[in-house]
Structure formats: C-alpha cells, structure tokens
N, C-alpha and C. Protein backbone atom coordinates (compact mmCIF):
# COMPACT_ATOMS: atom_id res chain seq x y z
N VAL A 1 95.30 104.85 93.28
CA VAL A 1 95.11 103.43 93.78
C VAL A 1 94.15 102.74 92.85
N ASN A 2 93.05 103.48 92.45
CA ASN A 2 92.06 102.85 91.59
C ASN A 2 92.71 102.49 90.23
N GLU A 3 93.63 103.35 89.70
CA GLU A 3 94.28 103.01 88.45
C GLU A 3 95.17 101.75 88.60
N LEU A 4 95.98 101.76 89.79
CA LEU A 4 96.79 100.59 90.06
C LEU A 4 95.98 99.37 90.14
N GLN A 5 94.79 99.37 90.67
CA GLN A 5 94.06 98.25 90.83
C GLN A 5 93.43 97.74 89.46
N ASN A 6 93.08 98.70 88.60
CA ASN A 6 92.73 98.42 87.20
C ASN A 6 93.77 97.84 86.27
N ILE A 7 94.97 98.35 86.47
CA ILE A 7 96.14 97.91 85.70
C ILE A 7 96.57 96.46 86.13
N THR A 8 96.52 96.22 87.42
CA THR A 8 97.15 94.95 88.01
C THR A 8 96.03 93.84 88.29
N SER A 9 94.90 94.17 88.39
CA SER A 9 93.77 93.24 88.80
C SER A 9 93.92 92.74 90.16
N ALA A 10 94.70 93.55 91.11
CA ALA A 10 94.85 93.24 92.53
C ALA A 10 94.13 94.26 93.18
N GLU A 11 93.64 93.85 94.41
CA GLU A 11 93.10 94.80 95.33
C GLU A 11 94.16 95.43 96.09
N VAL A 12 94.22 96.90 96.04
CA VAL A 12 95.37 97.58 96.77
C VAL A 12 94.72 98.37 97.94
N ILE A 13 95.03 98.09 99.23
CA ILE A 13 94.35 98.87 100.35
C ILE A 13 95.41 99.66 101.07
N VAL A 14 95.15 100.93 101.19
CA VAL A 14 95.97 101.79 101.83
C VAL A 14 95.31 102.46 102.90
N PRO A 15 95.58 102.06 104.15
CA PRO A 15 94.78 102.59 105.20
C PRO A 15 94.87 104.11 105.27
N ARG A 16 93.75 104.80 105.37
CA ARG A 16 93.79 106.33 105.33
C ARG A 16 94.29 106.86 106.66
N ASP A 17 93.96 106.09 107.86
CA ASP A 17 94.35 106.65 109.13
C ASP A 17 95.69 106.31 109.65
N GLN A 18 96.48 105.59 108.78
CA GLN A 18 97.82 105.15 109.25
C GLN A 18 98.88 106.25 109.04
N THR A 19 99.59 106.50 110.12
CA THR A 19 100.69 107.59 110.00
C THR A 19 101.94 106.79 109.71
N PRO A 20 102.89 107.43 108.99
CA PRO A 20 104.13 106.85 108.61
C PRO A 20 104.96 106.49 109.83
N ASP A 21 105.69 105.35 109.81
CA ASP A 21 106.66 105.13 110.91
C ASP A 21 108.02 105.86 110.77
N ASP A 22 108.90 105.60 111.61
CA ASP A 22 110.14 106.34 111.66
C ASP A 22 110.86 106.53 110.25
N ASN A 23 110.59 105.43 109.40
CA ASN A 23 111.25 105.44 108.21
C ASN A 23 110.42 105.95 107.04
N ASP A 24 109.30 106.76 107.40
CA ASP A 24 108.24 107.20 106.45
C ASP A 24 107.54 106.12 105.71
N GLU A 25 107.39 105.00 106.30
CA GLU A 25 106.82 103.83 105.50
C GLU A 25 105.40 103.56 106.17
N VAL A 26 104.44 103.15 105.36
CA VAL A 26 103.20 102.72 105.77
C VAL A 26 102.95 101.27 105.14
N ILE A 27 102.05 100.52 105.84
CA ILE A 27 101.78 99.30 105.32
C ILE A 27 100.62 99.33 104.28
N VAL A 28 100.91 98.65 103.19
CA VAL A 28 99.88 98.56 102.10
C VAL A 28 99.49 97.16 101.82
N LYS A 29 98.22 96.90 101.84
CA LYS A 29 97.81 95.49 101.76
C LYS A 29 97.41 95.18 100.27
N ILE A 30 97.91 94.15 99.68
CA ILE A 30 97.66 93.80 98.32
C ILE A 30 97.07 92.39 98.37
N VAL A 31 95.91 92.28 97.69
CA VAL A 31 95.14 90.99 97.69
C VAL A 31 94.86 90.68 96.25
N GLY A 32 95.23 89.55 95.75
CA GLY A 32 94.99 88.99 94.45
C GLY A 32 95.84 87.86 94.15
N HIS A 33 95.65 87.34 93.04
CA HIS A 33 96.65 86.22 92.60
C HIS A 33 98.02 86.53 92.49
N PHE A 34 98.97 85.53 92.39
CA PHE A 34 100.27 85.80 92.52
C PHE A 34 100.82 86.94 91.59
N PHE A 35 100.59 86.62 90.26
CA PHE A 35 101.04 87.66 89.28
C PHE A 35 100.47 88.98 89.50
N ALA A 36 99.27 89.17 89.92
CA ALA A 36 98.58 90.40 90.12
C ALA A 36 99.30 91.16 91.31
N SER A 37 99.50 90.32 92.32
CA SER A 37 100.17 90.99 93.48
C SER A 37 101.60 91.42 93.29
N GLN A 38 102.18 90.58 92.56
CA GLN A 38 103.71 90.89 92.21
C GLN A 38 103.76 92.07 91.28
N THR A 39 102.84 92.30 90.38
CA THR A 39 102.80 93.41 89.56
C THR A 39 102.45 94.65 90.26
N ALA A 40 101.57 94.60 91.15
CA ALA A 40 101.00 95.62 92.02
C ALA A 40 102.35 96.14 92.95
N GLN A 41 103.07 95.18 93.45
CA GLN A 41 104.24 95.56 94.30
C GLN A 41 105.32 96.28 93.44
N ARG A 42 105.48 95.75 92.26
CA ARG A 42 106.56 96.39 91.46
C ARG A 42 106.09 97.89 91.06
N LYS A 43 104.70 97.98 90.72
CA LYS A 43 104.32 99.33 90.34
C LYS A 43 104.35 100.23 91.40
N ILE A 44 104.04 99.80 92.77
CA ILE A 44 104.12 100.63 93.96
C ILE A 44 105.55 101.14 94.11
N ARG A 45 106.49 100.24 93.93
CA ARG A 45 107.94 100.47 94.14
C ARG A 45 108.29 101.59 93.12
N GLU A 46 107.81 101.34 91.72
CA GLU A 46 108.12 102.37 90.85
C GLU A 46 107.56 103.76 91.18
N ILE A 47 106.41 103.87 91.73
CA ILE A 47 105.89 105.12 92.08
C ILE A 47 106.66 105.84 93.30
N VAL A 48 106.93 105.03 94.25
CA VAL A 48 107.75 105.44 95.36
C VAL A 48 109.14 106.01 94.85
N GLN A 49 109.73 105.30 94.00
CA GLN A 49 111.01 105.70 93.44
C GLN A 49 110.98 107.02 92.64
N GLN A 50 109.85 107.26 91.90
CA GLN A 50 109.56 108.49 91.23
C GLN A 50 109.32 109.51 92.14
N VAL A 51 108.71 109.42 93.11
CA VAL A 51 108.45 110.41 94.21
C VAL A 51 109.69 110.85 94.87
N LYS A 52 110.57 109.91 95.20
CA LYS A 52 111.80 110.09 95.83
C LYS A 52 112.73 110.93 94.83
N GLN A 53 112.66 110.59 93.65
CA GLN A 53 113.51 111.32 92.68
C GLN A 53 113.12 112.77 92.62
N GLN A 54 111.74 113.14 92.46
CA GLN A 54 111.23 114.27 92.41
C GLN A 54 111.61 115.10 93.61
N GLU A 55 111.50 114.62 94.83
CA GLU A 55 111.82 115.26 96.08
C GLU A 55 113.34 115.63 95.93
N GLN A 56 114.09 114.80 95.51
CA GLN A 56 115.57 115.13 95.41
C GLN A 56 115.84 116.29 94.46
N LYS A 57 115.19 116.29 93.30
CA LYS A 57 115.20 117.43 92.41
C LYS A 57 114.80 118.73 92.96
N GLN A 58 113.71 118.58 93.72
CA GLN A 58 113.12 119.89 94.40
C GLN A 58 114.19 120.34 95.44
N GLN A 59 114.77 119.50 96.28
CA GLN A 59 115.72 119.85 97.26
C GLN A 59 116.80 120.41 96.55
N ALA A 60 117.36 119.84 95.49
CA ALA A 60 118.67 120.32 94.86
C ALA A 60 118.24 121.75 94.24
N GLY A 61 117.14 121.99 93.74
CA GLY A 61 116.69 123.24 93.18
C GLY A 61 116.57 124.32 94.27
N ALA A 62 116.06 123.96 95.41
CA ALA A 62 115.96 124.91 96.49
C ALA A 62 117.30 125.22 97.06
N MET A 63 118.26 124.29 97.05
CA MET A 63 119.61 124.55 97.49
C MET A 63 120.24 125.49 96.41
N THR A 64 120.02 125.41 95.20
CA THR A 64 120.62 126.24 94.31
C THR A 64 119.98 127.73 94.32
N LEU A 65 118.69 127.79 94.68
CA LEU A 65 118.07 129.20 94.97
C LEU A 65 118.73 129.80 96.11
N GLN A 66 118.92 129.15 97.07
CA GLN A 66 119.51 129.60 98.41
C GLN A 66 120.94 130.12 98.12
N ARG A 67 121.81 129.45 97.37
CA ARG A 67 123.00 129.81 97.12
C ARG A 67 123.15 131.06 96.25
N SER A 68 122.08 131.18 95.28
CA SER A 68 122.23 132.44 94.42
C SER A 68 121.61 133.60 95.01
N LYS A 69 121.07 133.62 96.25
CA LYS A 69 120.66 134.76 96.99
C LYS A 69 121.71 135.59 97.55
C-alpha cells in the first residue's frame, strides 16, 4: 500500500478489520486528485488480476499433482 501511494500520489486506505463479502471483495478508499485516484484504481486492478492468475496456476499445479499420484 505504501508503494502504491508513493507511485500514484493518492492516499489508499484498506481497512484492516474488514472481512471480504460473498464475492471476496473489500472496500478500498482512494483519496487524491483525479489522475492520482485513477492511476491507483488501475494499479489495484492490475495487482488483483496478478493474484488471480497466480491462484489459477497454483490450482492447476495442484490438480496435476493429484492426477499423477
């Protein structure tokens, strides 16, 4: 989050006590001028996409290991 704030010049607030909803989503508050907040949103989306891709690769690897047993 600190790196994201440094890169975008926007304040990014992720509540620590928030639990994900049914869609595994949490509310992130972004404060800053328009360009900074848009950049922060785009970077957050990129990070989420990368995490989802890593999870899919891990699941595919786990399935491959199960089949080879």
